[in-house]
PDB file of N, CA and C in Angstrom:
ATOM      1  N   MET A   1     -12.835  -8.411   2.220  1.00  0.00           N
ATOM      2  CA  MET A   1     -11.322  -8.829   2.473  1.00  0.00           C
ATOM      3  C   MET A   1     -10.790  -7.692   1.563  1.00  0.00           C
ATOM      4  N   GLN A   2     -11.328  -8.007   0.295  1.00  0.00           N
ATOM      5  CA  GLN A   2     -11.117  -7.210  -0.951  1.00  0.00           C
ATOM      6  C   GLN A   2     -10.457  -5.633  -0.771  1.00  0.00           C
ATOM      7  N   THR A   3     -11.919  -5.346  -0.191  1.00  0.00           N
ATOM      8  CA  THR A   3     -12.291  -3.528   0.301  1.00  0.00           C
ATOM      9  C   THR A   3     -11.326  -3.438   1.283  1.00  0.00           C
ATOM     10  N   VAL A   4     -10.977  -3.940   1.903  1.00  0.00           N
ATOM     11  CA  VAL A   4      -9.962  -3.745   3.037  1.00  0.00           C
ATOM     12  C   VAL A   4      -8.756  -3.868   2.478  1.00  0.00           C
ATOM     13  N   ARG A   5      -8.205  -4.559   1.561  1.00  0.00           N
ATOM     14  CA  ARG A   5      -6.843  -4.265   0.713  1.00  0.00           C
ATOM     15  C   ARG A   5      -6.873  -3.431  -0.102  1.00  0.00           C
ATOM     16  N   ARG A   6      -7.788  -3.082  -0.767  1.00  0.00           N
ATOM     17  CA  ARG A   6      -8.066  -1.698  -2.073  1.00  0.00           C
ATOM     18  C   ARG A   6      -7.822  -0.581  -1.013  1.00  0.00           C
ATOM     19  N   TRP A   7      -8.462  -0.276   0.601  1.00  0.00           N
ATOM     20  CA  TRP A   7      -8.521   0.738   1.294  1.00  0.00           C
ATOM     21  C   TRP A   7      -7.162   1.121   2.061  1.00  0.00           C
ATOM     22  N   ILE A   8      -6.321  -0.276   2.234  1.00  0.00           N
ATOM     23  CA  ILE A   8      -4.933  -0.096   2.901  1.00  0.00           C
ATOM     24  C   ILE A   8      -4.177   0.389   1.516  1.00  0.00           C
ATOM     25  N   HIS A   9      -3.860   0.065   0.066  1.00  0.00           N
ATOM     26  CA  HIS A   9      -3.563   0.313  -0.781  1.00  0.00           C
ATOM     27  C   HIS A   9      -3.510   1.729  -1.283  1.00  0.00           C
ATOM     28  N   LEU A  10      -5.109   2.134  -1.098  1.00  0.00           N
ATOM     29  CA  LEU A  10      -5.101   3.621  -1.720  1.00  0.00           C
ATOM     30  C   LEU A  10      -4.990   4.570  -0.278  1.00  0.00           C
ATOM     31  N   SER A  11      -4.872   4.065   0.953  1.00  0.00           N
ATOM     32  CA  SER A  11      -4.331   5.063   2.051  1.00  0.00           C
ATOM     33  C   SER A  11      -2.844   5.278   2.290  1.00  0.00           C
ATOM     34  N   THR A  12      -2.447   3.970   1.410  1.00  0.00           N
ATOM     35  CA  THR A  12      -0.517   3.977   1.605  1.00  0.00           C
ATOM     36  C   THR A  12      -0.621   4.943   0.602  1.00  0.00           C
ATOM     37  N   VAL A  13      -1.141   4.549  -0.482  1.00  0.00           N
ATOM     38  CA  VAL A  13      -0.552   6.006  -1.721  1.00  0.00           C
ATOM     39  C   VAL A  13      -0.796   7.202  -1.097  1.00  0.00           C
ATOM     40  N   ALA A  14      -2.075   7.498  -0.228  1.00  0.00           N
ATOM     41  CA  ALA A  14      -2.539   9.143  -0.291  1.00  0.00           C
ATOM     42  C   ALA A  14      -1.390   9.384   0.911  1.00  0.00           C
ATOM     43  N   LEU A  15      -0.941   8.497   1.606  1.00  0.00           N
ATOM     44  CA  LEU A  15      -0.186   8.905   2.799  1.00  0.00           C
ATOM     45  C   LEU A  15       1.613   9.197   2.260  1.00  0.00           C
ATOM     46  N   LEU A  16       1.619   8.021   1.006  1.00  0.00           N
ATOM     47  CA  LEU A  16       3.009   8.625   0.634  1.00  0.00           C
ATOM     48  C   LEU A  16       2.998   9.785   0.123  1.00  0.00           C
ATOM     49  N   MET A  17       2.321  10.149  -0.976  1.00  0.00           N
ATOM     50  CA  MET A  17       2.254  11.276  -1.426  1.00  0.00           C
ATOM     51  C   MET A  17       2.234  12.595  -0.900  1.00  0.00           C
ATOM     52  N   GLY A  18       1.175  12.293   0.368  1.00  0.00           N
ATOM     53  CA  GLY A  18       1.108  13.689   1.330  1.00  0.00           C
ATOM     54  C   GLY A  18       2.354  13.715   2.219  1.00  0.00           C
ATOM     55  N   LEU A  19       3.153  12.647   2.277  1.00  0.00           N
ATOM     56  CA  LEU A  19       4.482  13.048   3.586  1.00  0.00           C
ATOM     57  C   LEU A  19       5.564  13.361   2.110  1.00  0.00           C
ATOM     58  N   LEU A  20       5.489  12.814   0.917  1.00  0.00           N
ATOM     59  CA  LEU A  20       6.253  13.404  -0.412  1.00  0.00           C
ATOM     60  C   LEU A  20       6.423  14.841  -0.393  1.00  0.00           C
ATOM     61  N   GLY A  21       4.970  15.201  -0.376  1.00  0.00           N
ATOM     62  CA  GLY A  21       4.667  16.478  -0.332  1.00  0.00           C
ATOM     63  C   GLY A  21       5.565  17.673   0.908  1.00  0.00           C
ATOM     64  N   LEU A  22       5.578  16.898   2.116  1.00  0.00           N
ATOM     65  CA  LEU A  22       5.834  17.717   3.207  1.00  0.00           C
ATOM     66  C   LEU A  22       7.095  17.274   3.528  1.00  0.00           C
ATOM     67  N   VAL A  23       7.810  16.389   2.976  1.00  0.00           N
ATOM     68  CA  VAL A  23       8.907  15.601   3.677  1.00  0.00           C
ATOM     69  C   VAL A  23       9.744  16.536   2.519  1.00  0.00           C
ATOM     70  N   GLY A  24       9.487  16.245   1.351  1.00  0.00           N
ATOM     71  CA  GLY A  24      10.683  16.627  -0.208  1.00  0.00           C
ATOM     72  C   GLY A  24      11.417  17.851   0.545  1.00  0.00           C
ATOM     73  N   PRO A  25      10.673  19.161   0.303  1.00  0.00           N
ATOM     74  CA  PRO A  25      11.124  20.583   0.843  1.00  0.00           C
ATOM     75  C   PRO A  25      11.881  20.205   1.835  1.00  0.00           C
ATOM     76  N   ALA A  26      11.617  19.554   3.000  1.00  0.00           N
ATOM     77  CA  ALA A  26      12.295  19.597   4.086  1.00  0.00           C
ATOM     78  C   ALA A  26      13.525  19.206   4.111  1.00  0.00           C
ATOM     79  N   LEU A  27      13.722  18.086   3.202  1.00  0.00           N
ATOM     80  CA  LEU A  27      15.114  17.310   2.995  1.00  0.00           C
ATOM     81  C   LEU A  27      15.895  18.060   2.840  1.00  0.00           C
ATOM     82  N   ALA A  28      16.323  19.377   2.470  1.00  0.00           N
ATOM     83  CA  ALA A  28      17.246  19.847   2.282  1.00  0.00           C
ATOM     84  C   ALA A  28      18.000  20.653   3.616  1.00  0.00           C
ATOM     85  N   GLY A  29      16.960  20.508   4.511  1.00  0.00           N
ATOM     86  CA  GLY A  29      17.652  21.472   5.746  1.00  0.00           C
ATOM     87  C   GLY A  29      17.268  20.509   6.980  1.00  0.00           C
ATOM     88  N   HIS A  30      17.240  20.974   8.275  1.00  0.00           N
ATOM     89  CA  HIS A  30      17.020  20.351   9.314  1.00  0.00           C
ATOM     90  C   HIS A  30      15.722  20.168   9.858  1.00  0.00           C
ATOM     91  N   THR A  31      14.993  18.949   9.550  1.00  0.00           N
ATOM     92  CA  THR A  31      13.428  19.243  10.468  1.00  0.00           C
ATOM     93  C   THR A  31      13.086  18.680  11.406  1.00  0.00           C
ATOM     94  N   VAL A  32      12.156  18.243  12.670  1.00  0.00           N
ATOM     95  CA  VAL A  32      12.133  18.012  13.911  1.00  0.00           C
ATOM     96  C   VAL A  32      11.154  16.962  13.466  1.00  0.00           C
ATOM     97  N   GLY A  33      11.869  15.791  13.834  1.00  0.00           N
ATOM     98  CA  GLY A  33      10.702  14.449  13.723  1.00  0.00           C
ATOM     99  C   GLY A  33      11.735  13.816  12.641  1.00  0.00           C
ATOM    100  N   VAL A  34      12.593  14.625  11.770  1.00  0.00           N
ATOM    101  CA  VAL A  34      13.197  13.607  10.423  1.00  0.00           C
ATOM    102  C   VAL A  34      14.810  13.551  10.815  1.00  0.00           C
ATOM    103  N   THR A  35      15.216  12.521  10.757  1.00  0.00           N
ATOM    104  CA  THR A  35      16.504  11.917  10.815  1.00  0.00           C
ATOM    105  C   THR A  35      16.922  11.427   9.427  1.00  0.00           C
ATOM    106  N   ASP A  36      18.404  11.179   9.370  1.00  0.00           N
ATOM    107  CA  ASP A  36      18.631  10.330   8.306  1.00  0.00           C
ATOM    108  C   ASP A  36      17.922   9.248   7.490  1.00  0.00           C
ATOM    109  N   ASP A  37      17.686   8.676   9.144  1.00  0.00           N
ATOM    110  CA  ASP A  37      16.671   7.273   8.580  1.00  0.00           C
ATOM    111  C   ASP A  37      15.547   6.913   9.217  1.00  0.00           C
ATOM    112  N   SER A  38      15.042   8.162   9.493  1.00  0.00           N
ATOM    113  CA  SER A  38      13.321   7.908  10.091  1.00  0.00           C
ATOM    114  C   SER A  38      12.929   9.053  10.238  1.00  0.00           C
ATOM    115  N   ILE A  39      11.409   9.000   9.888  1.00  0.00           N
ATOM    116  CA  ILE A  39      10.314   9.968  10.102  1.00  0.00           C
ATOM    117  C   ILE A  39       9.493   9.356  11.201  1.00  0.00           C
ATOM    118  N   THR A  40       9.360  10.960  12.288  1.00  0.00           N
ATOM    119  CA  THR A  40       8.676  10.078  13.683  1.00  0.00           C
ATOM    120  C   THR A  40       6.908  11.004  13.667  1.00  0.00           C
ATOM    121  N   ILE A  41       6.454   9.945  13.302  1.00  0.00           N
ATOM    122  CA  ILE A  41       5.200  10.335  13.429  1.00  0.00           C
ATOM    123  C   ILE A  41       4.112   9.837  14.850  1.00  0.00           C
ATOM    124  N   GLY A  42       3.541  11.379  15.395  1.00  0.00           N
ATOM    125  CA  GLY A  42       2.996  10.832  16.937  1.00  0.00           C
ATOM    126  C   GLY A  42       1.283  10.879  16.876  1.00  0.00           C
ATOM    127  N   SER A  43       0.291  10.075  17.420  1.00  0.00           N
ATOM    128  CA  SER A  43      -0.830   9.944  17.149  1.00  0.00           C
ATOM    129  C   SER A  43      -1.304   9.866  18.582  1.00  0.00           C
ATOM    130  N   PHE A  44      -1.980  10.643  18.820  1.00  0.00           N
ATOM    131  CA  PHE A  44      -3.080  10.199  20.229  1.00  0.00           C
ATOM    132  C   PHE A  44      -4.473  10.352  19.812  1.00  0.00           C
ATOM    133  N   GLY A  45      -5.464   9.298  20.597  1.00  0.00           N
ATOM    134  CA  GLY A  45      -6.481   9.329  20.462  1.00  0.00           C
ATOM    135  C   GLY A  45      -7.043   8.134  21.383  1.00  0.00           C
ATOM    136  N   ALA A  46      -7.928   8.120  21.908  1.00  0.00           N
ATOM    137  CA  ALA A  46      -8.608   7.133  22.901  1.00  0.00           C
ATOM    138  C   ALA A  46      -7.985   5.767  22.615  1.00  0.00           C
ATOM    139  N   LEU A  47      -7.327   5.377  24.005  1.00  0.00           N
ATOM    140  CA  LEU A  47      -6.585   3.941  24.017  1.00  0.00           C
ATOM    141  C   LEU A  47      -7.805   3.255  24.896  1.00  0.00           C
ATOM    142  N   THR A  48      -7.910   4.264  25.973  1.00  0.00           N
ATOM    143  CA  THR A  48      -8.892   3.658  26.759  1.00  0.00           C
ATOM    144  C   THR A  48      -9.976   4.520  26.758  1.00  0.00           C
ATOM    145  N   GLY A  49     -10.854   3.953  28.433  1.00  0.00           N
ATOM    146  CA  GLY A  49     -11.911   5.024  28.487  1.00  0.00           C
ATOM    147  C   GLY A  49     -13.235   4.757  27.322  1.00  0.00           C
ATOM    148  N   PRO A  50     -14.122   5.100  27.502  1.00  0.00           N
ATOM    149  CA  PRO A  50     -15.550   5.148  27.341  1.00  0.00           C
ATOM    150  C   PRO A  50     -15.412   4.735  25.473  1.00  0.00           C
ATOM    151  N   TYR A  51     -14.823   5.571  24.695  1.00  0.00           N
ATOM    152  CA  TYR A  51     -14.679   5.187  23.194  1.00  0.00           C
ATOM    153  C   TYR A  51     -13.314   5.043  22.862  1.00  0.00           C
ATOM    154  N   TYR A  52     -12.387   3.906  23.497  1.00  0.00           N
ATOM    155  CA  TYR A  52     -11.066   3.140  23.384  1.00  0.00           C
ATOM    156  C   TYR A  52     -10.815   3.157  21.764  1.00  0.00           C
ATOM    157  N   LEU A  53     -12.473   2.150  21.281  1.00  0.00           N
ATOM    158  CA  LEU A  53     -12.391   1.566  20.228  1.00  0.00           C
ATOM    159  C   LEU A  53     -11.762   2.244  19.014  1.00  0.00           C
ATOM    160  N   PHE A  54     -12.936   3.749  19.019  1.00  0.00           N
ATOM    161  CA  PHE A  54     -12.499   4.821  18.176  1.00  0.00           C
ATOM    162  C   PHE A  54     -10.939   5.032  17.710  1.00  0.00           C
ATOM    163  N   GLY A  55     -10.262   5.179  18.831  1.00  0.00           N
ATOM    164  CA  GLY A  55      -9.070   5.409  18.525  1.00  0.00           C
ATOM    165  C   GLY A  55      -8.058   4.157  18.469  1.00  0.00           C
ATOM    166  N   LYS A  56      -8.453   3.115  18.941  1.00  0.00           N
ATOM    167  CA  LYS A  56      -7.441   1.978  18.720  1.00  0.00           C
ATOM    168  C   LYS A  56      -7.642   1.406  17.249  1.00  0.00           C
ATOM    169  N   LEU A  57      -8.927   1.500  16.863  1.00  0.00           N
ATOM    170  CA  LEU A  57      -8.970   0.697  15.713  1.00  0.00           C
ATOM    171  C   LEU A  57      -8.669   1.514  14.053  1.00  0.00           C
ATOM    172  N   ILE A  58      -8.491   3.033  14.389  1.00  0.00           N
ATOM    173  CA  ILE A  58      -8.193   3.846  13.759  1.00  0.00           C
ATOM    174  C   ILE A  58      -6.377   3.742  13.659  1.00  0.00           C
ATOM    175  N   MET A  59      -5.847   3.891  14.649  1.00  0.00           N
ATOM    176  CA  MET A  59      -4.618   3.718  15.210  1.00  0.00           C
ATOM    177  C   MET A  59      -4.167   2.274  14.521  1.00  0.00           C
ATOM    178  N   ASN A  60      -4.428   1.228  14.477  1.00  0.00           N
ATOM    179  CA  ASN A  60      -4.367  -0.161  13.924  1.00  0.00           C
ATOM    180  C   ASN A  60      -4.350   0.291  12.781  1.00  0.00           C
ATOM    181  N   GLY A  61      -5.083   0.557  12.101  1.00  0.00           N
ATOM    182  CA  GLY A  61      -5.400   0.998  10.450  1.00  0.00           C
ATOM    183  C   GLY A  61      -4.287   1.886  10.043  1.00  0.00           C
ATOM    184  N   ALA A  62      -3.928   2.744  10.926  1.00  0.00           N
ATOM    185  CA  ALA A  62      -2.717   3.725  10.607  1.00  0.00           C
ATOM    186  C   ALA A  62      -1.107   2.854  10.523  1.00  0.00           C
ATOM    187  N   GLU A  63      -1.214   2.609  11.556  1.00  0.00           N
ATOM    188  CA  GLU A  63       0.044   1.099  11.727  1.00  0.00           C
ATOM    189  C   GLU A  63       0.169   0.621  10.717  1.00  0.00           C
ATOM    190  N   ALA A  64      -0.870  -0.419  10.372  1.00  0.00           N
ATOM    191  CA  ALA A  64      -0.855  -0.769   8.849  1.00  0.00           C
ATOM    192  C   ALA A  64      -0.038  -0.599   7.950  1.00  0.00           C
ATOM    193  N   VAL A  65      -0.746   0.903   7.679  1.00  0.00           N
ATOM    194  CA  VAL A  65       0.059   1.568   6.411  1.00  0.00           C
ATOM    195  C   VAL A  65       1.253   1.910   6.521  1.00  0.00           C
ATOM    196  N   TYR A  66       1.472   2.570   7.811  1.00  0.00           N
ATOM    197  CA  TYR A  66       2.967   2.724   7.868  1.00  0.00           C
ATOM    198  C   TYR A  66       3.642   1.172   7.843  1.00  0.00           C
ATOM    199  N   HIS A  67       3.565   0.695   8.177  1.00  0.00           N
ATOM    200  CA  HIS A  67       4.155  -0.623   8.360  1.00  0.00           C
ATOM    201  C   HIS A  67       4.351  -0.896   6.807  1.00  0.00           C
ATOM    202  N   GLU A  68       3.060  -1.533   5.656  1.00  0.00           N
ATOM    203  CA  GLU A  68       3.407  -1.229   4.154  1.00  0.00           C
ATOM    204  C   GLU A  68       4.728   0.065   3.404  1.00  0.00           C
ATOM    205  N   VAL A  69       4.399   0.889   4.135  1.00  0.00           N
ATOM    206  CA  VAL A  69       5.165   1.898   3.403  1.00  0.00           C
ATOM    207  C   VAL A  69       6.880   1.410   4.158  1.00  0.00           C
ATOM    208  N   ASN A  70       6.723   1.448   5.204  1.00  0.00           N
ATOM    209  CA  ASN A  70       8.230   0.475   5.585  1.00  0.00           C
ATOM    210  C   ASN A  70       8.479  -0.640   5.020  1.00  0.00           C
ATOM    211  N   LYS A  71       7.918  -1.531   4.459  1.00  0.00           N
ATOM    212  CA  LYS A  71       8.073  -2.548   4.251  1.00  0.00           C
ATOM    213  C   LYS A  71       8.639  -2.276   2.711  1.00  0.00           C
ATOM    214  N   GLN A  72       8.148  -1.035   1.571  1.00  0.00           N
ATOM    215  CA  GLN A  72       8.213  -0.743   0.415  1.00  0.00           C
ATOM    216  C   GLN A  72       9.843   0.249   0.510  1.00  0.00           C
ATOM    217  N   GLY A  73      10.254   0.132   1.953  1.00  0.00           N
ATOM    218  CA  GLY A  73      11.537   0.873   1.822  1.00  0.00           C
ATOM    219  C   GLY A  73      11.585   2.512   2.466  1.00  0.00           C
ATOM    220  N   GLY A  74      10.208   2.835   2.872  1.00  0.00           N
ATOM    221  CA  GLY A  74      10.012   3.765   3.377  1.00  0.00           C
ATOM    222  C   GLY A  74       9.801   4.854   2.813  1.00  0.00           C
ATOM    223  N   ILE A  75      10.743   6.529   2.832  1.00  0.00           N
ATOM    224  CA  ILE A  75      10.155   8.010   2.270  1.00  0.00           C
ATOM    225  C   ILE A  75      11.712   7.881   2.040  1.00  0.00           C
ATOM    226  N   HIS A  76      12.031   8.234   1.060  1.00  0.00           N
ATOM    227  CA  HIS A  76      13.259   8.492   0.973  1.00  0.00           C
ATOM    228  C   HIS A  76      14.434   7.485   1.889  1.00  0.00           C
ATOM    229  N   GLY A  77      13.933   6.084   1.821  1.00  0.00           N
ATOM    230  CA  GLY A  77      14.991   5.546   2.742  1.00  0.00           C
ATOM    231  C   GLY A  77      15.055   5.828   4.101  1.00  0.00           C
ATOM    232  N   ARG A  78      13.789   6.507   4.290  1.00  0.00           N
ATOM    233  CA  ARG A  78      13.723   6.771   5.716  1.00  0.00           C
ATOM    234  C   ARG A  78      11.921   5.861   6.189  1.00  0.00           C
ATOM    235  N   ARG A  79      12.739   5.301   7.347  1.00  0.00           N
ATOM    236  CA  ARG A  79      11.477   4.364   7.943  1.00  0.00           C
ATOM    237  C   ARG A  79      10.134   5.370   8.506  1.00  0.00           C
ATOM    238  N   LEU A  80       9.642   5.343   8.621  1.00  0.00           N
ATOM    239  CA  LEU A  80       8.566   5.701   9.655  1.00  0.00           C
ATOM    240  C   LEU A  80       8.203   4.786  11.031  1.00  0.00           C
ATOM    241  N   MET A  81       8.395   5.837  11.534  1.00  0.00           N
ATOM    242  CA  MET A  81       8.396   5.622  13.514  1.00  0.00           C
ATOM    243  C   MET A  81       7.115   6.351  14.114  1.00  0.00           C
ATOM    244  N   PHE A  82       6.220   5.291  14.234  1.00  0.00           N
ATOM    245  CA  PHE A  82       4.869   5.614  14.815  1.00  0.00           C
ATOM    246  C   PHE A  82       4.746   5.397  16.370  1.00  0.00           C
ATOM    247  N   ILE A  83       4.482   6.467  17.209  1.00  0.00           N
ATOM    248  CA  ILE A  83       4.114   6.585  18.447  1.00  0.00           C
ATOM    249  C   ILE A  83       2.605   7.053  18.912  1.00  0.00           C
ATOM    250  N   ARG A  84       2.186   5.928  19.653  1.00  0.00           N
ATOM    251  CA  ARG A  84       0.483   6.154  20.271  1.00  0.00           C
ATOM    252  C   ARG A  84       0.870   6.481  21.490  1.00  0.00           C
ATOM    253  N   VAL A  85       0.018   7.738  22.007  1.00  0.00           N
ATOM    254  CA  VAL A  85      -0.363   8.058  23.035  1.00  0.00           C
ATOM    255  C   VAL A  85      -1.687   8.150  23.549  1.00  0.00           C
ATOM    256  N   ASP A  86      -2.265   7.863  24.521  1.00  0.00           N
ATOM    257  CA  ASP A  86      -3.991   7.755  25.058  1.00  0.00           C
ATOM    258  C   ASP A  86      -4.000   9.356  25.469  1.00  0.00           C
ATOM    259  N   ASP A  87      -5.331   9.753  25.013  1.00  0.00           N
ATOM    260  CA  ASP A  87      -5.850  10.780  25.889  1.00  0.00           C
ATOM    261  C   ASP A  87      -7.334  10.681  26.364  1.00  0.00           C
ATOM    262  N   ARG A  88      -7.331   9.205  26.342  1.00  0.00           N
ATOM    263  CA  ARG A  88      -8.576   8.457  27.406  1.00  0.00           C
ATOM    264  C   ARG A  88      -9.693   9.482  26.811  1.00  0.00           C
ATOM    265  N   CYS A  89      -9.784   9.954  25.617  1.00  0.00           N
ATOM    266  CA  CYS A  89     -11.207  10.701  25.273  1.00  0.00           C
ATOM    267  C   CYS A  89     -11.302  11.753  25.872  1.00  0.00           C
ATOM    268  N   ASP A  90     -10.515  12.443  27.009  1.00  0.00           N
ATOM    269  CA  ASP A  90     -10.850  13.601  27.892  1.00  0.00           C
ATOM    270  C   ASP A  90     -10.141  14.967  26.869  1.00  0.00           C
ATOM    271  N   ALA A  91     -10.599  16.033  26.707  1.00  0.00           N
ATOM    272  CA  ALA A  91     -10.075  17.232  26.457  1.00  0.00           C
ATOM    273  C   ALA A  91      -8.560  17.667  26.796  1.00  0.00           C
ATOM    274  N   ALA A  92      -8.964  17.504  28.408  1.00  0.00           N
ATOM    275  CA  ALA A  92      -7.527  18.149  28.947  1.00  0.00           C
ATOM    276  C   ALA A  92      -6.610  17.255  28.781  1.00  0.00           C
ATOM    277  N   THR A  93      -6.755  16.183  28.754  1.00  0.00           N
ATOM    278  CA  THR A  93      -5.623  15.084  28.731  1.00  0.00           C
ATOM    279  C   THR A  93      -4.899  15.410  27.229  1.00  0.00           C
ATOM    280  N   ALA A  94      -6.171  15.382  26.098  1.00  0.00           N
ATOM    281  CA  ALA A  94      -5.763  15.488  24.655  1.00  0.00           C
ATOM    282  C   ALA A  94      -4.729  16.728  24.579  1.00  0.00           C
ATOM    283  N   ILE A  95      -4.910  17.421  25.026  1.00  0.00           N
ATOM    284  CA  ILE A  95      -3.814  19.030  25.174  1.00  0.00           C
ATOM    285  C   ILE A  95      -2.726  18.641  25.537  1.00  0.00           C
ATOM    286  N   ALA A  96      -2.583  17.946  26.767  1.00  0.00           N
ATOM    287  CA  ALA A  96      -1.419  17.521  27.222  1.00  0.00           C
ATOM    288  C   ALA A  96      -0.603  16.517  26.832  1.00  0.00           C
ATOM    289  N   VAL A  97      -1.319  15.515  25.799  1.00  0.00           N
ATOM    290  CA  VAL A  97      -0.140  15.102  25.603  1.00  0.00           C
ATOM    291  C   VAL A  97       0.031  15.119  23.646  1.00  0.00           C
ATOM    292  N   ALA A  98      -0.889  16.223  23.301  1.00  0.00           N
ATOM    293  CA  ALA A  98      -0.511  16.851  22.081  1.00  0.00           C
ATOM    294  C   ALA A  98       0.957  17.802  22.461  1.00  0.00           C
ATOM    295  N   LYS A  99       0.988  18.113  23.576  1.00  0.00           N
ATOM    296  CA  LYS A  99       1.981  18.989  23.891  1.00  0.00           C
ATOM    297  C   LYS A  99       3.675  18.237  24.124  1.00  0.00           C
ATOM    298  N   LYS A 100       2.984  16.622  24.738  1.00  0.00           N
ATOM    299  CA  LYS A 100       4.250  15.542  24.968  1.00  0.00           C
ATOM    300  C   LYS A 100       4.785  15.067  23.249  1.00  0.00           C
ATOM    301  N   LEU A 101       3.834  14.991  22.681  1.00  0.00           N
ATOM    302  CA  LEU A 101       4.257  14.624  21.150  1.00  0.00           C
ATOM    303  C   LEU A 101       5.136  15.655  20.676  1.00  0.00           C
ATOM    304  N   LEU A 102       5.026  16.871  20.840  1.00  0.00           N
ATOM    305  CA  LEU A 102       5.676  18.051  19.925  1.00  0.00           C
ATOM    306  C   LEU A 102       6.771  18.098  20.799  1.00  0.00           C
ATOM    307  N   HIS A 103       6.973  18.141  22.422  1.00  0.00           N
ATOM    308  CA  HIS A 103       7.849  18.676  23.329  1.00  0.00           C
ATOM    309  C   HIS A 103       8.986  17.292  23.756  1.00  0.00           C
ATOM    310  N   GLN A 104       8.142  16.421  23.895  1.00  0.00           N
ATOM    311  CA  GLN A 104       8.864  15.558  24.529  1.00  0.00           C
ATOM    312  C   GLN A 104       9.496  14.144  23.445  1.00  0.00           C
ATOM    313  N   HIS A 105       8.601  13.697  22.536  1.00  0.00           N
ATOM    314  CA  HIS A 105       8.726  12.650  21.625  1.00  0.00           C
ATOM    315  C   HIS A 105       9.483  13.190  20.431  1.00  0.00           C
ATOM    316  N   VAL A 106       9.223  14.611  20.462  1.00  0.00           N
ATOM    317  CA  VAL A 106       9.486  15.517  19.289  1.00  0.00           C
ATOM    318  C   VAL A 106       9.575  15.075  17.829  1.00  0.00           C
ATOM    319  N   VAL A 107       8.224  14.861  17.488  1.00  0.00           N
ATOM    320  CA  VAL A 107       7.839  14.194  16.566  1.00  0.00           C
ATOM    321  C   VAL A 107       7.296  15.129  15.237  1.00  0.00           C
ATOM    322  N   PHE A 108       7.501  14.964  14.047  1.00  0.00           N
ATOM    323  CA  PHE A 108       7.247  15.636  12.458  1.00  0.00           C
ATOM    324  C   PHE A 108       6.104  16.013  12.549  1.00  0.00           C
ATOM    325  N   MET A 109       5.068  14.824  12.849  1.00  0.00           N
ATOM    326  CA  MET A 109       3.540  15.216  12.155  1.00  0.00           C
ATOM    327  C   MET A 109       2.712  14.393  13.523  1.00  0.00           C
ATOM    328  N   PRO A 110       2.038  15.069  14.638  1.00  0.00           N
ATOM    329  CA  PRO A 110       0.800  14.858  15.078  1.00  0.00           C
ATOM    330  C   PRO A 110      -0.283  14.487  14.584  1.00  0.00           C
ATOM    331  N   CYS A 111      -0.812  13.209  15.146  1.00  0.00           N
ATOM    332  CA  CYS A 111      -2.158  13.299  14.483  1.00  0.00           C
ATOM    333  C   CYS A 111      -3.338  12.716  15.390  1.00  0.00           C
ATOM    334  N   LEU A 112      -4.165  13.740  15.438  1.00  0.00           N
ATOM    335  CA  LEU A 112      -5.525  13.328  16.351  1.00  0.00           C
ATOM    336  C   LEU A 112      -6.318  12.490  15.424  1.00  0.00           C
ATOM    337  N   TRP A 113      -6.802  11.115  16.196  1.00  0.00           N
ATOM    338  CA  TRP A 113      -7.473  10.136  15.557  1.00  0.00           C
ATOM    339  C   TRP A 113      -8.895  10.320  15.734  1.00  0.00           C
ATOM    340  N   HIS A 114      -9.603  11.572  16.645  1.00  0.00           N
ATOM    341  CA  HIS A 114     -11.192  11.226  16.710  1.00  0.00           C
ATOM    342  C   HIS A 114     -11.649  12.640  16.857  1.00  0.00           C
ATOM    343  N   PRO A 115     -12.266  13.150  16.693  1.00  0.00           N
ATOM    344  CA  PRO A 115     -13.432  14.404  17.214  1.00  0.00           C
ATOM    345  C   PRO A 115     -13.637  14.163  18.294  1.00  0.00           C
ATOM    346  N   ILE A 116     -13.809  13.056  18.785  1.00  0.00           N
ATOM    347  CA  ILE A 116     -14.537  13.308  20.455  1.00  0.00           C
ATOM    348  C   ILE A 116     -13.969  13.972  21.314  1.00  0.00           C
ATOM    349  N   SER A 117     -12.653  14.089  21.333  1.00  0.00           N
ATOM    350  CA  SER A 117     -12.737  14.627  22.864  1.00  0.00           C
ATOM    351  C   SER A 117     -12.713  16.038  22.758  1.00  0.00           C
ATOM    352  N   GLY A 118     -13.202  17.027  22.103  1.00  0.00           N
ATOM    353  CA  GLY A 118     -13.359  18.179  22.133  1.00  0.00           C
ATOM    354  C   GLY A 118     -12.117  19.402  22.413  1.00  0.00           C
ATOM    355  N   ALA A 119     -11.213  18.637  22.370  1.00  0.00           N
ATOM    356  CA  ALA A 119      -9.790  19.612  22.132  1.00  0.00           C
ATOM    357  C   ALA A 119      -9.044  20.202  20.874  1.00  0.00           C
ATOM    358  N   ARG A 120      -9.932  21.066  20.823  1.00  0.00           N
ATOM    359  CA  ARG A 120      -9.497  21.790  19.513  1.00  0.00           C
ATOM    360  C   ARG A 120      -9.574  22.990  19.536  1.00  0.00           C
ATOM    361  N   ARG A 121      -8.437  23.675  20.949  1.00  0.00           N
ATOM    362  CA  ARG A 121      -7.973  24.933  20.853  1.00  0.00           C
ATOM    363  C   ARG A 121      -6.863  25.291  20.007  1.00  0.00           C
TER     364      ARG A 121
END
């Protein structure tokens, strides 16, 4: 249990440092997926299909980290909004949902949570 808490703490710190580095310069102008009160992060991975456990567990961990960041006031007062999309561990679906995250949900940062889909074009 102590190891899990330590991992969550270190992940939170790493996430904050990474997002501050990305968001900081962007705060001067308009950035896609960033509003006055939120930063939208999109995630796609296997939530169904033969390898759903890989995507689901990793996304659950990411969501826990984002929740901790939000409990501490977010990033520059902006809450992290997390959108999950299922790619069924299929390359063609992964490409389609990545486009959906970028164009329909208009996220600041899309995240792929597994290397299994083979969608690396």
